[in-house]
Every structure is written in structure tokens, then in C-alpha cells.
Amino acid sequence: EELGSDAYLYGNLVGRAAEAEGVPNVIIARADP
């Protein structure tokens, strides 16, 4: 998500068992815009 002054990445955590419904955790992190 590029917002000009900021950029946020949305991604899935690797190496962790998926939740019961099969949906992995979504991680949000601020990146270099």
C-alpha cells in the first residue's frame, strides 16, 4: 500500500501452521516508501 510519505506491506507469515480455518496470519509492516 503506497501512500506517498509511507508504504505498508501486507503479507503472510511463513513457517507457522495455518489457523484452524486455513487462513494464515496477515502481517502489516511499514516499509521504505
PDB file of all heavy atoms in Angstrom:
ATOM      1  N   GLU A   1       0.869  -1.183   0.000  1.00  0.00           N
ATOM      2  CA  GLU A   1       0.000   0.000   0.000  1.00  0.00           C
ATOM      3  C   GLU A   1       0.904   1.231   0.000  1.00  0.00           C
ATOM      4  O   GLU A   1       1.533   1.545   1.017  1.00  0.00           O
ATOM      5  CB  GLU A   1      -0.885  -0.026   1.249  1.00  0.00           C
ATOM      6  CG  GLU A   1      -1.994   0.986   1.279  1.00  0.00           C
ATOM      7  CD  GLU A   1      -2.843   0.826   2.537  1.00  0.00           C
ATOM      8  OE1 GLU A   1      -2.304   1.048   3.638  1.00  0.00           O
ATOM      9  OE2 GLU A   1      -4.023   0.459   2.421  1.00  0.00           O
ATOM     10  N   GLU A   2       0.998   1.919  -1.134  1.00  0.00           N
ATOM     11  CA  GLU A   2       1.877   3.085  -1.245  1.00  0.00           C
ATOM     12  C   GLU A   2       1.061   4.357  -1.033  1.00  0.00           C
ATOM     13  O   GLU A   2       0.122   4.643  -1.779  1.00  0.00           O
ATOM     14  CB  GLU A   2       2.556   3.084  -2.610  1.00  0.00           C
ATOM     15  CG  GLU A   2       3.479   1.880  -2.822  1.00  0.00           C
ATOM     16  CD  GLU A   2       4.360   2.018  -4.052  1.00  0.00           C
ATOM     17  OE1 GLU A   2       5.039   3.054  -4.157  1.00  0.00           O
ATOM     18  OE2 GLU A   2       4.351   1.093  -4.884  1.00  0.00           O
ATOM     19  N   LEU A   3       1.456   5.126  -0.011  1.00  0.00           N
ATOM     20  CA  LEU A   3       0.707   6.316   0.377  1.00  0.00           C
ATOM     21  C   LEU A   3       1.499   7.594   0.173  1.00  0.00           C
ATOM     22  O   LEU A   3       1.114   8.651   0.655  1.00  0.00           O
ATOM     23  CB  LEU A   3       0.292   6.213   1.856  1.00  0.00           C
ATOM     24  CG  LEU A   3      -0.499   4.962   2.238  1.00  0.00           C
ATOM     25  CD1 LEU A   3      -0.710   4.907   3.741  1.00  0.00           C
ATOM     26  CD2 LEU A   3      -1.840   4.935   1.512  1.00  0.00           C
ATOM     27  N   GLY A   4       2.609   7.513  -0.543  1.00  0.00           N
ATOM     28  CA  GLY A   4       3.439   8.688  -0.753  1.00  0.00           C
ATOM     29  C   GLY A   4       4.505   8.812   0.321  1.00  0.00           C
ATOM     30  O   GLY A   4       5.657   8.434   0.127  1.00  0.00           O
ATOM     31  N   SER A   5       4.115   9.346   1.491  1.00  0.00           N
ATOM     32  CA  SER A   5       5.078   9.508   2.583  1.00  0.00           C
ATOM     33  C   SER A   5       5.338   8.195   3.305  1.00  0.00           C
ATOM     34  O   SER A   5       6.325   8.060   4.034  1.00  0.00           O
ATOM     35  CB  SER A   5       4.565  10.542   3.595  1.00  0.00           C
ATOM     36  OG  SER A   5       3.324  10.128   4.148  1.00  0.00           O
ATOM     37  N   ASP A   6       4.454   7.225   3.130  1.00  0.00           N
ATOM     38  CA  ASP A   6       4.581   5.921   3.783  1.00  0.00           C
ATOM     39  C   ASP A   6       4.271   4.812   2.793  1.00  0.00           C
ATOM     40  O   ASP A   6       3.597   5.032   1.774  1.00  0.00           O
ATOM     41  CB  ASP A   6       3.613   5.801   4.966  1.00  0.00           C
ATOM     42  CG  ASP A   6       4.186   6.396   6.243  1.00  0.00           C
ATOM     43  OD1 ASP A   6       5.370   6.149   6.538  1.00  0.00           O
ATOM     44  OD2 ASP A   6       3.443   7.103   6.946  1.00  0.00           O
ATOM     45  N   ALA A   7       4.752   3.621   3.117  1.00  0.00           N
ATOM     46  CA  ALA A   7       4.373   2.419   2.369  1.00  0.00           C
ATOM     47  C   ALA A   7       4.196   1.295   3.367  1.00  0.00           C
ATOM     48  O   ALA A   7       5.003   1.140   4.292  1.00  0.00           O
ATOM     49  CB  ALA A   7       5.438   2.061   1.341  1.00  0.00           C
ATOM     50  N   TYR A   8       3.114   0.526   3.226  1.00  0.00           N
ATOM     51  CA  TYR A   8       2.840  -0.590   4.129  1.00  0.00           C
ATOM     52  C   TYR A   8       2.743  -1.870   3.313  1.00  0.00           C
ATOM     53  O   TYR A   8       2.060  -1.914   2.283  1.00  0.00           O
ATOM     54  CB  TYR A   8       1.533  -0.365   4.895  1.00  0.00           C
ATOM     55  CG  TYR A   8       1.624   0.752   5.911  1.00  0.00           C
ATOM     56  CD1 TYR A   8       1.214   2.040   5.594  1.00  0.00           C
ATOM     57  CD2 TYR A   8       2.142   0.515   7.188  1.00  0.00           C
ATOM     58  CE1 TYR A   8       1.302   3.070   6.510  1.00  0.00           C
ATOM     59  CE2 TYR A   8       2.231   1.535   8.111  1.00  0.00           C
ATOM     60  CZ  TYR A   8       1.812   2.808   7.772  1.00  0.00           C
ATOM     61  OH  TYR A   8       1.917   3.821   8.695  1.00  0.00           O
ATOM     62  N   LEU A   9       3.440  -2.900   3.784  1.00  0.00           N
ATOM     63  CA  LEU A   9       3.323  -4.202   3.140  1.00  0.00           C
ATOM     64  C   LEU A   9       2.379  -5.074   3.963  1.00  0.00           C
ATOM     65  O   LEU A   9       2.354  -5.011   5.192  1.00  0.00           O
ATOM     66  CB  LEU A   9       4.692  -4.861   2.990  1.00  0.00           C
ATOM     67  CG  LEU A   9       5.464  -5.305   4.244  1.00  0.00           C
ATOM     68  CD1 LEU A   9       5.055  -6.707   4.699  1.00  0.00           C
ATOM     69  CD2 LEU A   9       6.961  -5.281   3.979  1.00  0.00           C
ATOM     70  N   TYR A  10       1.577  -5.842   3.257  1.00  0.00           N
ATOM     71  CA  TYR A  10       0.673  -6.821   3.863  1.00  0.00           C
ATOM     72  C   TYR A  10       1.107  -8.181   3.349  1.00  0.00           C
ATOM     73  O   TYR A  10       1.138  -8.409   2.138  1.00  0.00           O
ATOM     74  CB  TYR A  10      -0.778  -6.540   3.451  1.00  0.00           C
ATOM     75  CG  TYR A  10      -1.350  -5.252   3.993  1.00  0.00           C
ATOM     76  CD1 TYR A  10      -0.946  -4.017   3.480  1.00  0.00           C
ATOM     77  CD2 TYR A  10      -2.304  -5.251   5.009  1.00  0.00           C
ATOM     78  CE1 TYR A  10      -1.473  -2.822   3.965  1.00  0.00           C
ATOM     79  CE2 TYR A  10      -2.839  -4.067   5.500  1.00  0.00           C
ATOM     80  CZ  TYR A  10      -2.411  -2.864   4.974  1.00  0.00           C
ATOM     81  OH  TYR A  10      -2.934  -1.691   5.459  1.00  0.00           O
ATOM     82  N   GLY A  11       1.443  -9.072   4.269  1.00  0.00           N
ATOM     83  CA  GLY A  11       1.943 -10.364   3.831  1.00  0.00           C
ATOM     84  C   GLY A  11       1.583 -11.484   4.786  1.00  0.00           C
ATOM     85  O   GLY A  11       1.057 -11.247   5.874  1.00  0.00           O
ATOM     86  N   ASN A  12       1.879 -12.694   4.375  1.00  0.00           N
ATOM     87  CA  ASN A  12       1.603 -13.877   5.196  1.00  0.00           C
ATOM     88  C   ASN A  12       2.877 -14.361   5.870  1.00  0.00           C
ATOM     89  O   ASN A  12       3.945 -14.425   5.256  1.00  0.00           O
ATOM     90  CB  ASN A  12       1.038 -15.010   4.332  1.00  0.00           C
ATOM     91  CG  ASN A  12      -0.358 -14.692   3.833  1.00  0.00           C
ATOM     92  OD1 ASN A  12      -1.040 -13.854   4.401  1.00  0.00           O
ATOM     93  ND2 ASN A  12      -0.767 -15.345   2.763  1.00  0.00           N
ATOM     94  N   LEU A  13       2.729 -14.726   7.133  1.00  0.00           N
ATOM     95  CA  LEU A  13       3.847 -15.259   7.895  1.00  0.00           C
ATOM     96  C   LEU A  13       4.201 -16.645   7.373  1.00  0.00           C
ATOM     97  O   LEU A  13       3.328 -17.496   7.163  1.00  0.00           O
ATOM     98  CB  LEU A  13       3.438 -15.325   9.372  1.00  0.00           C
ATOM     99  CG  LEU A  13       4.519 -15.561  10.409  1.00  0.00           C
ATOM    100  CD1 LEU A  13       5.563 -14.462  10.380  1.00  0.00           C
ATOM    101  CD2 LEU A  13       3.871 -15.643  11.796  1.00  0.00           C
ATOM    102  N   VAL A  14       5.450 -16.885   7.158  1.00  0.00           N
ATOM    103  CA  VAL A  14       5.934 -18.170   6.633  1.00  0.00           C
ATOM    104  C   VAL A  14       6.437 -19.018   7.792  1.00  0.00           C
ATOM    105  O   VAL A  14       7.036 -18.529   8.735  1.00  0.00           O
ATOM    106  CB  VAL A  14       7.071 -17.947   5.613  1.00  0.00           C
ATOM    107  CG1 VAL A  14       7.643 -19.274   5.131  1.00  0.00           C
ATOM    108  CG2 VAL A  14       6.574 -17.117   4.435  1.00  0.00           C
ATOM    109  N   GLY A  15       6.155 -20.349   7.696  1.00  0.00           N
ATOM    110  CA  GLY A  15       6.715 -21.269   8.672  1.00  0.00           C
ATOM    111  C   GLY A  15       5.853 -21.489   9.884  1.00  0.00           C
ATOM    112  O   GLY A  15       6.244 -22.186  10.811  1.00  0.00           O
ATOM    113  N   ARG A  16       4.677 -20.923   9.893  1.00  0.00           N
ATOM    114  CA  ARG A  16       3.766 -21.132  11.020  1.00  0.00           C
ATOM    115  C   ARG A  16       2.539 -21.881  10.528  1.00  0.00           C
ATOM    116  O   ARG A  16       2.027 -21.608   9.460  1.00  0.00           O
ATOM    117  CB  ARG A  16       3.339 -19.791  11.620  1.00  0.00           C
ATOM    118  CG  ARG A  16       2.402 -19.928  12.804  1.00  0.00           C
ATOM    119  CD  ARG A  16       2.135 -18.540  13.410  1.00  0.00           C
ATOM    120  NE  ARG A  16       1.303 -18.664  14.597  1.00  0.00           N
ATOM    121  CZ  ARG A  16      -0.020 -18.600  14.595  1.00  0.00           C
ATOM    122  NH1 ARG A  16      -0.660 -18.469  13.444  1.00  0.00           N
ATOM    123  NH2 ARG A  16      -0.701 -18.708  15.716  1.00  0.00           N
ATOM    124  N   ALA A  17       2.080 -22.841  11.311  1.00  0.00           N
ATOM    125  CA  ALA A  17       0.895 -23.610  10.915  1.00  0.00           C
ATOM    126  C   ALA A  17      -0.290 -22.679  10.723  1.00  0.00           C
ATOM    127  O   ALA A  17      -0.482 -21.731  11.471  1.00  0.00           O
ATOM    128  CB  ALA A  17       0.572 -24.652  11.990  1.00  0.00           C
ATOM    129  N   ALA A  18      -1.059 -22.940   9.696  1.00  0.00           N
ATOM    130  CA  ALA A  18      -2.235 -22.108   9.427  1.00  0.00           C
ATOM    131  C   ALA A  18      -3.247 -22.249  10.556  1.00  0.00           C
ATOM    132  O   ALA A  18      -3.255 -23.216  11.308  1.00  0.00           O
ATOM    133  CB  ALA A  18      -2.867 -22.533   8.098  1.00  0.00           C
ATOM    134  N   GLU A  19      -4.102 -21.228  10.655  1.00  0.00           N
ATOM    135  CA  GLU A  19      -5.175 -21.285  11.649  1.00  0.00           C
ATOM    136  C   GLU A  19      -6.153 -22.416  11.300  1.00  0.00           C
ATOM    137  O   GLU A  19      -6.092 -22.999  10.225  1.00  0.00           O
ATOM    138  CB  GLU A  19      -5.921 -19.940  11.662  1.00  0.00           C
ATOM    139  CG  GLU A  19      -5.028 -18.737  11.918  1.00  0.00           C
ATOM    140  CD  GLU A  19      -4.494 -18.706  13.344  1.00  0.00           C
ATOM    141  OE1 GLU A  19      -5.034 -19.430  14.199  1.00  0.00           O
ATOM    142  OE2 GLU A  19      -3.517 -17.976  13.591  1.00  0.00           O
ATOM    143  N   ALA A  20      -7.045 -22.691  12.228  1.00  0.00           N
ATOM    144  CA  ALA A  20      -7.969 -23.818  12.052  1.00  0.00           C
ATOM    145  C   ALA A  20      -8.760 -23.703  10.753  1.00  0.00           C
ATOM    146  O   ALA A  20      -9.032 -24.693  10.089  1.00  0.00           O
ATOM    147  CB  ALA A  20      -8.912 -23.891  13.241  1.00  0.00           C
ATOM    148  N   GLU A  21      -9.077 -22.451  10.363  1.00  0.00           N
ATOM    149  CA  GLU A  21      -9.863 -22.290   9.146  1.00  0.00           C
ATOM    150  C   GLU A  21      -8.984 -22.235   7.908  1.00  0.00           C
ATOM    151  O   GLU A  21      -9.475 -22.012   6.802  1.00  0.00           O
ATOM    152  CB  GLU A  21     -10.732 -21.026   9.230  1.00  0.00           C
ATOM    153  CG  GLU A  21      -9.961 -19.722   9.306  1.00  0.00           C
ATOM    154  CD  GLU A  21      -9.638 -19.322  10.731  1.00  0.00           C
ATOM    155  OE1 GLU A  21      -9.642 -20.204  11.611  1.00  0.00           O
ATOM    156  OE2 GLU A  21      -9.381 -18.131  10.959  1.00  0.00           O
ATOM    157  N   GLY A  22      -7.679 -22.409   8.078  1.00  0.00           N
ATOM    158  CA  GLY A  22      -6.782 -22.456   6.934  1.00  0.00           C
ATOM    159  C   GLY A  22      -6.271 -21.109   6.483  1.00  0.00           C
ATOM    160  O   GLY A  22      -5.646 -20.995   5.434  1.00  0.00           O
ATOM    161  N   VAL A  23      -6.529 -20.050   7.272  1.00  0.00           N
ATOM    162  CA  VAL A  23      -6.086 -18.721   6.881  1.00  0.00           C
ATOM    163  C   VAL A  23      -4.858 -18.339   7.708  1.00  0.00           C
ATOM    164  O   VAL A  23      -4.929 -18.294   8.925  1.00  0.00           O
ATOM    165  CB  VAL A  23      -7.204 -17.675   7.106  1.00  0.00           C
ATOM    166  CG1 VAL A  23      -6.724 -16.289   6.706  1.00  0.00           C
ATOM    167  CG2 VAL A  23      -8.443 -18.070   6.321  1.00  0.00           C
ATOM    168  N   PRO A  24      -3.707 -18.084   7.069  1.00  0.00           N
ATOM    169  CA  PRO A  24      -2.512 -17.726   7.824  1.00  0.00           C
ATOM    170  C   PRO A  24      -2.589 -16.300   8.353  1.00  0.00           C
ATOM    171  O   PRO A  24      -3.410 -15.502   7.897  1.00  0.00           O
ATOM    172  CB  PRO A  24      -1.394 -17.857   6.785  1.00  0.00           C
ATOM    173  CG  PRO A  24      -2.069 -17.616   5.480  1.00  0.00           C
ATOM    174  CD  PRO A  24      -3.473 -18.143   5.631  1.00  0.00           C
ATOM    175  N   ASN A  25      -1.756 -15.984   9.344  1.00  0.00           N
ATOM    176  CA  ASN A  25      -1.709 -14.633   9.873  1.00  0.00           C
ATOM    177  C   ASN A  25      -1.296 -13.639   8.803  1.00  0.00           C
ATOM    178  O   ASN A  25      -0.377 -13.888   8.032  1.00  0.00           O
ATOM    179  CB  ASN A  25      -0.699 -14.552  11.021  1.00  0.00           C
ATOM    180  CG  ASN A  25      -1.308 -14.976  12.339  1.00  0.00           C
ATOM    181  OD1 ASN A  25      -2.290 -14.399  12.765  1.00  0.00           O
ATOM    182  ND2 ASN A  25      -0.727 -15.976  12.966  1.00  0.00           N
ATOM    183  N   VAL A  26      -1.974 -12.496   8.774  1.00  0.00           N
ATOM    184  CA  VAL A  26      -1.577 -11.395   7.902  1.00  0.00           C
ATOM    185  C   VAL A  26      -0.744 -10.429   8.726  1.00  0.00           C
ATOM    186  O   VAL A  26      -1.169  -9.968   9.785  1.00  0.00           O
ATOM    187  CB  VAL A  26      -2.807 -10.685   7.306  1.00  0.00           C
ATOM    188  CG1 VAL A  26      -2.379  -9.448   6.517  1.00  0.00           C
ATOM    189  CG2 VAL A  26      -3.581 -11.629   6.411  1.00  0.00           C
ATOM    190  N   ILE A  27       0.443 -10.129   8.246  1.00  0.00           N
ATOM    191  CA  ILE A  27       1.354  -9.223   8.921  1.00  0.00           C
ATOM    192  C   ILE A  27       1.387  -7.905   8.164  1.00  0.00           C
ATOM    193  O   ILE A  27       1.444  -7.881   6.931  1.00  0.00           O
ATOM    194  CB  ILE A  27       2.785  -9.813   8.978  1.00  0.00           C
ATOM    195  CG1 ILE A  27       2.770 -11.148   9.726  1.00  0.00           C
ATOM    196  CG2 ILE A  27       3.755  -8.840   9.637  1.00  0.00           C
ATOM    197  CD1 ILE A  27       2.408 -11.055  11.181  1.00  0.00           C
ATOM    198  N   ILE A  28       1.338  -6.791   8.911  1.00  0.00           N
ATOM    199  CA  ILE A  28       1.431  -5.455   8.317  1.00  0.00           C
ATOM    200  C   ILE A  28       2.713  -4.817   8.827  1.00  0.00           C
ATOM    201  O   ILE A  28       2.997  -4.841  10.026  1.00  0.00           O
ATOM    202  CB  ILE A  28       0.224  -4.579   8.702  1.00  0.00           C
ATOM    203  CG1 ILE A  28      -1.093  -5.304   8.426  1.00  0.00           C
ATOM    204  CG2 ILE A  28       0.272  -3.253   7.955  1.00  0.00           C
ATOM    205  CD1 ILE A  28      -2.306  -4.588   8.991  1.00  0.00           C
ATOM    206  N   ALA A  29       3.493  -4.260   7.918  1.00  0.00           N
ATOM    207  CA  ALA A  29       4.750  -3.614   8.309  1.00  0.00           C
ATOM    208  C   ALA A  29       4.984  -2.380   7.461  1.00  0.00           C
ATOM    209  O   ALA A  29       4.648  -2.357   6.273  1.00  0.00           O
ATOM    210  CB  ALA A  29       5.922  -4.584   8.165  1.00  0.00           C
ATOM    211  N   ARG A  30       5.560  -1.352   8.085  1.00  0.00           N
ATOM    212  CA  ARG A  30       5.897  -0.149   7.339  1.00  0.00           C
ATOM    213  C   ARG A  30       7.231  -0.358   6.644  1.00  0.00           C
ATOM    214  O   ARG A  30       8.217  -0.754   7.272  1.00  0.00           O
ATOM    215  CB  ARG A  30       5.966   1.072   8.261  1.00  0.00           C
ATOM    216  CG  ARG A  30       6.134   2.380   7.486  1.00  0.00           C
ATOM    217  CD  ARG A  30       5.803   3.586   8.322  1.00  0.00           C
ATOM    218  NE  ARG A  30       6.785   3.805   9.375  1.00  0.00           N
ATOM    219  CZ  ARG A  30       6.656   4.730  10.313  1.00  0.00           C
ATOM    220  NH1 ARG A  30       5.578   5.491  10.346  1.00  0.00           N
ATOM    221  NH2 ARG A  30       7.589   4.884  11.233  1.00  0.00           N
ATOM    222  N   ALA A  31       7.275  -0.068   5.359  1.00  0.00           N
ATOM    223  CA  ALA A  31       8.480  -0.253   4.549  1.00  0.00           C
ATOM    224  C   ALA A  31       9.000   1.090   4.074  1.00  0.00           C
ATOM    225  O   ALA A  31       8.360   2.133   4.266  1.00  0.00           O
ATOM    226  CB  ALA A  31       8.157  -1.159   3.359  1.00  0.00           C
ATOM    227  N   ASP A  32      10.152   1.069   3.457  1.00  0.00           N
ATOM    228  CA  ASP A  32      10.739   2.282   2.890  1.00  0.00           C
ATOM    229  C   ASP A  32       9.850   2.758   1.733  1.00  0.00           C
ATOM    230  O   ASP A  32       9.718   2.058   0.723  1.00  0.00           O
ATOM    231  CB  ASP A  32      12.153   1.967   2.385  1.00  0.00           C
ATOM    232  CG  ASP A  32      12.840   3.181   1.785  1.00  0.00           C
ATOM    233  OD1 ASP A  32      12.202   4.249   1.683  1.00  0.00           O
ATOM    234  OD2 ASP A  32      14.024   3.063   1.423  1.00  0.00           O
ATOM    235  N   PRO A  33       9.240   3.939   1.839  1.00  0.00           N
ATOM    236  CA  PRO A  33       8.329   4.384   0.773  1.00  0.00           C
ATOM    237  C   PRO A  33       9.034   4.636  -0.551  1.00  0.00           C
ATOM    238  O   PRO A  33       8.394   4.610  -1.601  1.00  0.00           O
ATOM    239  CB  PRO A  33       7.724   5.673   1.349  1.00  0.00           C
ATOM    240  CG  PRO A  33       8.715   6.155   2.359  1.00  0.00           C
ATOM    241  CD  PRO A  33       9.336   4.918   2.939  1.00  0.00           C
TER     242      PRO A  33
END
